[in-house]
Amino acid sequence: MNREVISNKQGIALITLFIMGSSLILGTGTSAGRDAWIAEIIAILFAVPIVCVYARILYLFPQKDLVEIVEIIFGKFIGKIIALLFIWFSFHLGALVLRNFGEFITNVSLPETPIIISMLFMIIVCIWGVKEGIEVLGRWSNLNLMILFILITVTIILLVPNMKIDNILPILSRGFKPVFKGAFSVFSFPFAETVVFLLFFSSVDNKSSYKIYLTGLILGGIIIFATSFSELLVFGEKEYVSFLFPSYKAVGRIKISDFIQSLEIIVSISFLAGGFIKISMCLLASCKGITKLFGFNDYRFIVVPMSLLMINLSYLIYDSTNEMFKWAFEIYGFYALPFQVILPIFILICAEFKKRKKDYIININRTK
């Protein structure tokens, strides 16, 4: 299988857009109420060490993906079991995100259209992107990130007249418990979801893994913080928590009647672009993982079958929009914890031990 290569800038853009993904449409830290912005800052700080764990794993094994890494560390049998767990997580996450955007399209644009049609449109675009490969997705992300950044900046500036500082006061009125609950939610969704990149990030220089992960985390974190903080200042706690898609609702508060409809369309398309990257990364991780697991030469021939399975899971996974939000903000963090934190730390500890043992044996042989 030919090794695809992307630049550091493209890797950073992919991680940044992945982090923005569905968090832009769903909102983040809602359990913290008006202190959601504090929860997001804490979540970024919590995420720094865990993405360093991901980066260190890549650094120790140049040009290797997670499937190869765990087989080197634990042997083929146990390694394949661990790899299969991460492949499932990536595949399941892709289905969750696909449903997020299916609900978004249905609720804000096409209420009379069956949700399966919206999701089918999204997955067809993702099939094209994944088949083109990570190099094409990286170049596309680099350009789209700049456009999205400009659009979000302009939107926030236009919202300034609607902002009220009283909407975030009093600060910490309910204490730290809701804030830490919100921080845990934001940590798991979206920051620690970047663990899926371990399944295909042999495409980057291992010496740049820290730079790519940390820069992508900080950029994505700043954008999410800025949008959430702006929404809180505009809506206040009650509306921020109750709205299904707060970022889209915020655009409706801009007082430029001749311009607002066009802006809503542009914002919606931009959000879909972020969703395209996140779903594509999950699909790519799943397909590349399966390919490495079973020793296939190329991942592209399983993209369509995996996509069909993903859209079926996505359609069946929730009974309602409210159930989707409950899962995302109340349950998902606990489900994701083993994949995002426990297993990666365990893998890194075992990798460090194996590396030191190997270095020790090499040094002993040299002294003989």
Protein backbone atom coordinates (compact mmCIF):
# COMPACT_ATOMS: atom_id res chain seq x y z
CA MET A 1 0.00 0.00 0.00
CA ASN A 2 1.48 3.37 -1.06
CA ARG A 3 2.19 5.75 1.81
CA GLU A 4 0.41 9.09 1.51
CA VAL A 5 2.14 12.16 2.91
CA ILE A 6 0.66 15.45 4.14
CA SER A 7 2.37 18.61 5.33
CA ASN A 8 2.33 19.91 8.90
CA LYS A 9 -0.09 22.69 7.92
CA GLN A 10 -2.48 20.21 6.36
CA GLY A 11 -2.30 17.96 9.42
CA ILE A 12 -3.06 20.92 11.68
CA ALA A 13 -5.99 21.95 9.46
CA LEU A 14 -7.41 18.42 9.54
CA ILE A 15 -7.30 18.25 13.34
CA THR A 16 -8.70 21.77 13.73
CA LEU A 17 -11.66 21.11 11.42
CA PHE A 18 -12.20 17.72 13.03
CA ILE A 19 -12.44 19.36 16.45
CA MET A 20 -14.80 22.04 15.15
CA GLY A 21 -16.94 19.46 13.28
CA SER A 22 -20.20 18.71 15.06
CA SER A 23 -19.31 20.79 18.14
CA LEU A 24 -20.08 23.95 16.16
CA ILE A 25 -23.65 22.88 15.46
CA LEU A 26 -24.46 21.12 18.75
CA GLY A 27 -22.77 23.56 21.10
CA THR A 28 -20.51 22.49 23.99
CA GLY A 29 -20.43 22.56 27.77
CA THR A 30 -24.18 23.12 28.15
CA SER A 31 -24.27 21.31 31.51
CA ALA A 32 -22.17 24.18 32.92
CA GLY A 33 -24.84 26.71 31.94
CA ARG A 34 -23.57 30.29 31.79
CA ASP A 35 -20.15 29.03 32.89
CA ALA A 36 -19.74 26.91 29.74
CA TRP A 37 -16.90 29.18 28.60
CA ILE A 38 -14.96 28.35 31.78
CA ALA A 39 -15.62 24.64 31.23
CA GLU A 40 -14.17 24.93 27.73
CA ILE A 41 -10.95 26.54 28.99
CA ILE A 42 -10.54 23.76 31.58
CA ALA A 43 -11.27 21.12 28.92
CA ILE A 44 -8.51 22.51 26.68
CA LEU A 45 -6.05 22.32 29.60
CA PHE A 46 -7.13 18.73 30.32
CA ALA A 47 -6.79 17.82 26.64
CA VAL A 48 -3.17 19.01 26.31
CA PRO A 49 -1.60 16.03 28.16
CA ILE A 50 -3.80 13.44 26.44
CA VAL A 51 -3.00 14.69 22.92
CA CYS A 52 0.66 14.60 23.98
CA VAL A 53 0.09 10.91 24.72
CA TYR A 54 -1.25 10.43 21.18
CA ALA A 55 1.68 12.39 19.73
CA ARG A 56 4.22 10.40 21.76
CA ILE A 57 2.82 7.09 20.48
CA LEU A 58 3.30 8.30 16.90
CA TYR A 59 6.76 9.67 17.73
CA LEU A 60 7.97 6.32 19.07
CA PHE A 61 6.88 4.45 15.92
CA PRO A 62 7.79 6.42 12.77
CA GLN A 63 5.60 5.77 9.71
CA LYS A 64 3.42 3.34 11.66
CA ASP A 65 -0.34 3.44 12.23
CA LEU A 66 -2.04 2.29 15.42
CA VAL A 67 -2.83 -1.21 14.11
CA GLU A 68 0.86 -1.83 13.38
CA ILE A 69 1.92 -0.21 16.66
CA VAL A 70 -0.23 -2.37 18.93
CA GLU A 71 0.83 -5.52 17.06
CA ILE A 72 4.48 -4.59 17.63
CA ILE A 73 3.87 -3.94 21.33
CA PHE A 74 1.44 -6.73 22.26
CA GLY A 75 1.85 -9.30 19.50
CA LYS A 76 -0.57 -10.11 16.70
CA PHE A 77 -3.42 -11.68 18.68
CA ILE A 78 -3.82 -9.14 21.49
CA GLY A 79 -2.77 -6.34 19.15
CA LYS A 80 -5.57 -7.15 16.71
CA ILE A 81 -8.15 -7.15 19.52
CA ILE A 82 -7.01 -3.72 20.73
CA ALA A 83 -6.92 -2.43 17.14
CA LEU A 84 -10.46 -3.70 16.55
CA LEU A 85 -11.68 -1.70 19.56
CA PHE A 86 -10.28 1.52 18.09
CA ILE A 87 -11.69 0.70 14.66
CA TRP A 88 -15.12 0.26 16.24
CA PHE A 89 -14.80 3.57 18.10
CA SER A 90 -13.90 5.40 14.88
CA PHE A 91 -16.70 3.76 12.92
CA HIS A 92 -19.27 4.41 15.66
CA LEU A 93 -18.12 8.03 16.02
CA GLY A 94 -18.53 8.52 12.27
CA ALA A 95 -22.11 7.21 12.52
CA LEU A 96 -22.84 9.55 15.45
CA VAL A 97 -21.50 12.59 13.60
CA LEU A 98 -23.37 11.65 10.43
CA ARG A 99 -26.60 11.56 12.44
CA ASN A 100 -25.73 14.94 14.04
CA PHE A 101 -25.56 16.57 10.63
CA GLY A 102 -28.58 14.67 9.33
CA GLU A 103 -30.60 16.13 12.22
CA PHE A 104 -29.10 19.58 11.59
CA ILE A 105 -30.07 19.60 7.90
CA THR A 106 -33.55 18.26 8.64
CA ASN A 107 -34.26 20.73 11.45
CA VAL A 108 -32.96 23.95 9.90
CA SER A 109 -33.36 23.46 6.15
CA LEU A 110 -35.37 20.44 4.98
CA PRO A 111 -37.98 19.57 7.62
CA GLU A 112 -40.17 17.69 5.13
CA THR A 113 -37.30 15.61 3.75
CA PRO A 114 -36.61 12.19 5.37
CA ILE A 115 -33.41 12.32 7.42
CA ILE A 116 -31.98 9.34 5.53
CA ILE A 117 -31.83 11.51 2.38
CA SER A 118 -29.78 14.18 4.15
CA MET A 119 -27.40 11.58 5.53
CA LEU A 120 -27.11 9.87 2.15
CA PHE A 121 -26.02 13.16 0.59
CA MET A 122 -23.37 13.62 3.30
CA ILE A 123 -22.00 10.09 3.04
CA ILE A 124 -21.72 10.25 -0.77
CA VAL A 125 -19.50 13.33 -0.49
CA CYS A 126 -17.45 11.60 2.23
CA ILE A 127 -17.01 8.50 0.04
CA TRP A 128 -15.54 10.71 -2.66
CA GLY A 129 -13.20 12.43 -0.17
CA VAL A 130 -11.95 9.23 1.44
CA LYS A 131 -11.36 7.56 -1.94
CA GLU A 132 -9.33 10.58 -3.06
CA GLY A 133 -7.12 10.09 -0.01
CA ILE A 134 -5.75 12.06 2.91
CA GLU A 135 -3.52 14.21 0.67
CA VAL A 136 -6.56 15.68 -1.12
CA LEU A 137 -8.47 16.02 2.16
CA GLY A 138 -5.47 17.78 3.68
CA ARG A 139 -5.22 20.34 0.87
CA TRP A 140 -8.98 20.92 0.96
CA SER A 141 -8.91 21.38 4.75
CA ASN A 142 -6.09 23.89 4.59
CA LEU A 143 -8.13 26.14 2.28
CA ASN A 144 -11.49 25.60 3.97
CA LEU A 145 -10.13 26.34 7.45
CA MET A 146 -9.12 29.85 6.39
CA ILE A 147 -12.55 30.48 4.86
CA LEU A 148 -14.34 29.16 7.95
CA PHE A 149 -12.14 31.22 10.27
CA ILE A 150 -12.94 34.42 8.35
CA LEU A 151 -16.66 33.59 8.31
CA ILE A 152 -16.78 32.91 12.07
CA THR A 153 -14.83 36.11 12.80
CA VAL A 154 -17.21 38.21 10.67
CA THR A 155 -20.25 36.56 12.27
CA ILE A 156 -18.98 37.26 15.81
CA ILE A 157 -18.25 40.90 14.92
CA LEU A 158 -21.78 41.31 13.52
CA LEU A 159 -23.20 39.80 16.73
CA VAL A 160 -21.45 42.32 19.01
CA PRO A 161 -24.48 44.70 19.19
CA ASN A 162 -26.58 41.80 20.52
CA MET A 163 -24.12 40.82 23.27
CA LYS A 164 -24.78 41.56 26.93
CA ILE A 165 -22.17 40.94 29.62
CA ASP A 166 -24.97 40.34 32.16
CA ASN A 167 -25.76 37.08 30.33
CA ILE A 168 -22.66 35.40 31.82
CA LEU A 169 -23.08 36.86 35.32
CA PRO A 170 -22.82 35.86 38.11
CA ILE A 171 -19.77 33.70 37.41
CA LEU A 172 -19.56 30.33 39.19
CA SER A 173 -22.85 30.96 41.00
CA ARG A 174 -23.46 27.19 41.24
CA GLY A 175 -19.93 26.31 42.23
CA PHE A 176 -17.38 24.17 40.41
CA LYS A 177 -19.33 20.90 40.09
CA PRO A 178 -21.35 21.88 36.96
CA VAL A 179 -18.22 23.44 35.46
CA PHE A 180 -16.15 20.28 35.83
CA LYS A 181 -19.06 18.22 34.52
CA GLY A 182 -19.17 20.49 31.48
CA ALA A 183 -15.38 20.35 31.14
CA PHE A 184 -15.45 16.54 31.09
CA SER A 185 -18.11 16.63 28.37
CA VAL A 186 -16.07 19.07 26.24
CA PHE A 187 -12.87 17.09 26.84
CA SER A 188 -14.42 13.90 25.45
CA PHE A 189 -16.41 15.73 22.76
CA PRO A 190 -14.60 16.96 20.74
CA PHE A 191 -10.97 17.23 21.92
CA ALA A 192 -10.07 13.64 22.85
CA GLU A 193 -11.88 12.30 19.78
CA THR A 194 -8.67 13.10 17.90
CA VAL A 195 -7.46 9.67 19.05
CA VAL A 196 -8.90 8.36 15.75
CA PHE A 197 -6.01 10.05 13.90
CA LEU A 198 -3.69 7.38 15.31
CA LEU A 199 -5.22 4.95 12.81
CA PHE A 200 -3.91 6.83 9.76
CA PHE A 201 -1.44 9.50 10.87
CA SER A 202 1.62 7.68 9.58
CA SER A 203 1.08 10.24 6.79
CA VAL A 204 2.84 12.91 8.89
CA ASP A 205 6.45 13.23 10.01
CA ASN A 206 6.63 11.60 13.45
CA LYS A 207 8.93 14.40 14.67
CA SER A 208 6.10 16.87 13.99
CA SER A 209 3.39 14.88 15.77
CA TYR A 210 3.49 17.09 18.88
CA LYS A 211 3.34 20.30 16.85
CA ILE A 212 0.44 19.07 14.72
CA TYR A 213 -1.63 17.73 17.60
CA LEU A 214 -1.06 20.65 19.97
CA THR A 215 -1.50 23.39 17.35
CA GLY A 216 -4.67 21.75 16.04
CA LEU A 217 -6.01 21.43 19.59
CA ILE A 218 -5.29 25.07 20.45
CA LEU A 219 -6.75 26.44 17.20
CA GLY A 220 -9.86 24.26 17.43
CA GLY A 221 -10.23 25.11 21.11
CA ILE A 222 -9.98 28.86 20.50
CA ILE A 223 -12.62 28.74 17.76
CA ILE A 224 -15.02 26.67 19.87
CA PHE A 225 -14.45 28.94 22.88
CA ALA A 226 -15.02 32.09 20.81
CA THR A 227 -18.27 30.81 19.29
CA SER A 228 -19.66 29.49 22.59
CA PHE A 229 -18.69 32.63 24.51
CA SER A 230 -20.34 34.79 21.85
CA GLU A 231 -23.50 32.67 21.92
CA LEU A 232 -23.70 32.95 25.72
CA LEU A 233 -23.34 36.73 25.52
CA VAL A 234 -26.10 36.87 22.90
CA PHE A 235 -28.58 34.34 24.28
CA GLY A 236 -27.95 34.00 27.98
CA GLU A 237 -27.97 30.71 29.83
CA LYS A 238 -31.59 29.68 29.31
CA GLU A 239 -31.62 29.94 25.53
CA TYR A 240 -28.04 28.68 25.07
CA VAL A 241 -28.90 25.48 26.93
CA SER A 242 -32.34 24.98 25.36
CA PHE A 243 -31.57 25.70 21.68
CA LEU A 244 -30.81 22.58 19.62
CA PHE A 245 -28.36 24.32 17.28
CA PRO A 246 -27.21 27.53 19.03
CA SER A 247 -24.62 28.64 16.44
CA TYR A 248 -27.21 28.62 13.67
CA LYS A 249 -29.72 30.41 15.89
CA ALA A 250 -27.13 33.08 16.69
CA VAL A 251 -26.86 34.09 13.03
CA GLY A 252 -30.59 34.86 13.08
CA ARG A 253 -29.94 37.61 15.65
CA ILE A 254 -27.85 39.66 13.24
CA LYS A 255 -29.82 42.80 12.34
CA ILE A 256 -29.14 43.05 8.62
CA SER A 257 -32.41 42.03 7.02
CA ASP A 258 -31.25 41.98 3.38
CA PHE A 259 -28.15 40.00 4.24
CA ILE A 260 -29.30 37.58 6.93
CA GLN A 261 -30.81 34.88 4.69
CA SER A 262 -27.67 34.64 2.56
CA LEU A 263 -25.50 34.56 5.69
CA GLU A 264 -27.54 31.71 7.19
CA ILE A 265 -27.04 29.69 4.00
CA ILE A 266 -23.28 30.40 3.96
CA VAL A 267 -22.92 29.48 7.64
CA SER A 268 -24.88 26.24 7.14
CA ILE A 269 -22.69 25.23 4.19
CA SER A 270 -19.56 26.01 6.22
CA PHE A 271 -20.77 23.88 9.12
CA LEU A 272 -21.43 21.04 6.68
CA ALA A 273 -17.85 21.39 5.43
CA GLY A 274 -16.61 20.78 8.98
CA GLY A 275 -18.91 17.78 9.26
CA PHE A 276 -17.59 16.44 5.95
CA ILE A 277 -14.05 16.39 7.34
CA LYS A 278 -15.01 14.79 10.65
CA ILE A 279 -17.07 12.02 9.06
CA SER A 280 -14.40 11.47 6.40
CA MET A 281 -11.66 11.14 9.04
CA CYS A 282 -13.72 8.57 10.95
CA LEU A 283 -14.47 6.65 7.76
CA LEU A 284 -10.82 6.81 6.67
CA ALA A 285 -9.67 5.59 10.10
CA SER A 286 -12.12 2.68 9.98
CA CYS A 287 -11.20 1.66 6.42
CA LYS A 288 -7.43 1.95 6.94
CA GLY A 289 -7.70 0.10 10.23
CA ILE A 290 -9.61 -2.80 8.64
CA THR A 291 -7.13 -2.85 5.74
CA LYS A 292 -4.12 -3.12 8.07
CA LEU A 293 -5.90 -5.60 10.33
CA PHE A 294 -6.60 -8.07 7.52
CA GLY A 295 -3.53 -7.36 5.39
CA PHE A 296 -5.27 -5.87 2.35
CA ASN A 297 -3.19 -3.90 -0.15
CA ASP A 298 -5.52 -0.91 -0.48
CA TYR A 299 -8.36 0.50 1.62
CA ARG A 300 -10.40 2.06 -1.19
CA PHE A 301 -12.35 -1.05 -2.19
CA ILE A 302 -13.99 -1.24 1.27
CA VAL A 303 -14.95 2.46 1.47
CA VAL A 304 -18.42 1.99 -0.07
CA PRO A 305 -19.38 -1.11 1.99
CA MET A 306 -18.17 0.60 5.20
CA SER A 307 -20.12 3.73 4.27
CA LEU A 308 -23.33 1.74 3.77
CA LEU A 309 -22.86 0.11 7.17
CA MET A 310 -22.17 3.52 8.73
CA ILE A 311 -25.30 5.16 7.33
CA ASN A 312 -27.42 2.20 8.51
CA LEU A 313 -26.00 2.44 12.02
CA SER A 314 -26.45 6.21 11.95
CA TYR A 315 -30.11 5.90 11.00
CA LEU A 316 -30.91 3.30 13.66
CA ILE A 317 -28.86 4.69 16.53
CA TYR A 318 -31.37 7.25 17.91
CA ASP A 319 -35.14 7.42 18.11
CA SER A 320 -35.28 11.22 18.32
CA THR A 321 -33.26 14.44 18.27
CA ASN A 322 -33.58 14.79 22.05
CA GLU A 323 -32.14 11.30 22.52
CA MET A 324 -29.18 12.33 20.37
CA PHE A 325 -28.45 15.36 22.57
CA LYS A 326 -28.83 13.34 25.77
CA TRP A 327 -26.30 10.79 24.51
CA ALA A 328 -23.86 13.49 23.35
CA PHE A 329 -23.82 15.50 26.59
CA GLU A 330 -24.67 13.01 29.35
CA ILE A 331 -23.55 9.51 28.33
CA TYR A 332 -20.95 9.75 25.56
CA GLY A 333 -18.06 10.91 27.78
CA PHE A 334 -18.19 7.77 29.93
CA TYR A 335 -18.50 5.50 26.89
CA ALA A 336 -15.54 7.19 25.17
CA LEU A 337 -13.21 7.30 28.21
CA PRO A 338 -11.58 3.87 27.66
CA PHE A 339 -10.86 4.63 23.98
CA GLN A 340 -9.70 8.21 24.53
CA VAL A 341 -7.74 7.95 27.79
CA ILE A 342 -7.34 4.52 29.40
CA LEU A 343 -6.21 2.47 26.38
CA PRO A 344 -3.88 5.16 24.89
CA ILE A 345 -2.12 5.65 28.25
CA PHE A 346 -1.79 1.87 28.65
CA ILE A 347 -0.39 1.57 25.12
CA LEU A 348 2.12 4.38 25.76
CA ILE A 349 3.32 2.86 29.05
CA CYS A 350 3.87 -0.51 27.37
CA ALA A 351 5.56 1.17 24.39
CA GLU A 352 7.96 3.11 26.63
CA PHE A 353 8.81 -0.04 28.58
CA LYS A 354 9.43 -2.00 25.37
CA LYS A 355 11.59 0.81 23.94
CA ARG A 356 13.73 1.08 27.08
CA LYS A 357 14.15 -2.68 27.22
CA LYS A 358 15.24 -2.71 23.57
CA ASP A 359 17.69 0.18 24.15
CA TYR A 360 19.09 -1.60 27.21
CA ILE A 361 19.73 -4.80 25.21
CA ILE A 362 21.41 -2.78 22.42
CA ASN A 363 23.68 -1.04 24.93
CA ILE A 364 24.60 -4.37 26.56
CA ASN A 365 25.53 -5.84 23.16
CA ARG A 366 27.67 -2.80 22.35
CA THR A 367 29.70 -3.16 25.55
CA LYS A 368 30.52 -6.79 24.84
